[in-house]
Amino acid sequence: MHTTGNFFKFFTVLFCLFSNIYLYAQEITISGQVIDKNTKEPLIGANILVKGTTIGATTDIDGNFIIHGDIRQPVVIGSYLGYATQEIT
């Protein structure tokens, strides 16, 4: 029984170590600029959302955005009134 107890202690310690590494590794930053394909003008106020989350941002006056967060799958969805919604991986 002593060996089984040591195994569970060892497993618990490893689990705690690796789960913390996993949690910290997910904090990333996504940034970019949204522009019109034809005119190359920035799109002010475009909505950028990380797929499957509530994490998102709106573009500034230059069309730039920055998203910080716990993002496990960096797929962003961009939308703007009058334009087709796009999904970018």
Protein backbone atom coordinates (compact mmCIF):
# COMPACT_ATOMS: atom_id res chain seq x y z
CA MET A 1 0.00 0.00 0.00
CA HIS A 2 2.90 2.33 0.62
CA THR A 3 3.90 2.18 -3.08
CA THR A 4 0.37 3.03 -4.23
CA GLY A 5 0.28 6.07 -1.94
CA ASN A 6 3.58 7.33 -3.34
CA PHE A 7 2.33 6.85 -6.89
CA PHE A 8 -0.76 8.98 -6.24
CA LYS A 9 1.33 11.67 -4.55
CA PHE A 10 3.71 11.71 -7.51
CA PHE A 11 0.83 11.81 -9.99
CA THR A 12 -0.85 14.66 -8.08
CA VAL A 13 2.35 16.72 -8.07
CA LEU A 14 2.88 16.15 -11.81
CA PHE A 15 -0.73 17.02 -12.55
CA CYS A 16 -0.47 20.29 -10.64
CA LEU A 17 2.77 21.25 -12.38
CA PHE A 18 1.55 20.51 -15.89
CA SER A 19 -1.91 22.01 -15.42
CA ASN A 20 -0.33 25.34 -14.39
CA ILE A 21 1.97 25.30 -17.41
CA TYR A 22 -1.04 24.59 -19.64
CA LEU A 23 -3.03 27.46 -18.15
CA TYR A 24 -0.25 30.00 -18.55
CA ALA A 25 0.54 28.90 -22.09
CA GLN A 26 -2.91 29.94 -23.36
CA GLU A 27 -2.57 33.69 -22.75
CA ILE A 28 -1.84 35.12 -26.20
CA THR A 29 -2.26 38.35 -28.14
CA ILE A 30 -3.83 38.65 -31.57
CA SER A 31 -3.48 41.93 -33.43
CA GLY A 32 -4.05 43.18 -36.93
CA GLN A 33 -5.61 45.72 -39.23
CA VAL A 34 -8.91 45.51 -41.10
CA ILE A 35 -8.93 47.27 -44.47
CA ASP A 36 -11.16 47.34 -47.54
CA LYS A 37 -9.80 44.97 -50.18
CA ASN A 38 -10.36 47.38 -53.08
CA THR A 39 -9.73 50.84 -51.64
CA LYS A 40 -7.18 49.82 -48.97
CA GLU A 41 -8.98 52.18 -46.54
CA PRO A 42 -9.18 51.11 -42.87
CA LEU A 43 -12.57 49.93 -41.62
CA ILE A 44 -13.39 51.86 -38.44
CA GLY A 45 -15.53 49.97 -35.93
CA ALA A 46 -15.26 46.50 -37.46
CA ASN A 47 -16.00 43.70 -35.00
CA ILE A 48 -13.36 41.05 -34.39
CA LEU A 49 -14.36 38.03 -32.29
CA VAL A 50 -12.45 34.88 -31.30
CA LYS A 51 -14.59 31.97 -32.50
CA GLY A 52 -16.42 30.10 -29.76
CA THR A 53 -15.71 32.74 -27.09
CA THR A 54 -16.89 36.13 -25.93
CA ILE A 55 -13.38 37.58 -26.40
CA GLY A 56 -13.26 40.29 -29.03
CA ALA A 57 -12.42 43.83 -30.02
CA THR A 58 -13.50 46.68 -32.26
CA THR A 59 -11.13 48.34 -34.70
CA ASP A 60 -9.90 51.86 -34.02
CA ILE A 61 -9.76 54.85 -36.39
CA ASP A 62 -6.85 53.25 -38.28
CA GLY A 63 -8.56 49.83 -38.54
CA ASN A 64 -6.24 48.30 -35.92
CA PHE A 65 -7.28 45.89 -33.19
CA ILE A 66 -5.61 44.02 -30.33
CA ILE A 67 -7.10 41.04 -28.48
CA HIS A 68 -5.53 39.63 -25.30
CA GLY A 69 -6.86 36.56 -23.60
CA ASP A 70 -7.06 32.89 -22.87
CA ILE A 71 -7.35 31.76 -26.48
CA ARG A 72 -7.07 28.04 -27.08
CA GLN A 73 -7.90 28.04 -30.79
CA PRO A 74 -6.93 31.28 -32.51
CA VAL A 75 -9.67 31.53 -35.13
CA VAL A 76 -11.06 35.06 -35.51
CA ILE A 77 -14.28 36.19 -37.14
CA GLY A 78 -14.41 39.65 -38.65
CA SER A 79 -17.65 41.45 -39.42
CA TYR A 80 -18.59 44.91 -40.65
CA LEU A 81 -21.87 46.37 -41.84
CA GLY A 82 -22.23 45.99 -45.60
CA TYR A 83 -19.40 43.41 -45.89
CA ALA A 84 -19.39 39.63 -45.84
CA THR A 85 -18.31 38.09 -42.52
CA GLN A 86 -14.91 36.39 -42.74
CA GLU A 87 -13.27 33.70 -40.64
CA ILE A 88 -9.47 33.70 -40.43
CA THR A 89 -7.23 31.03 -38.88
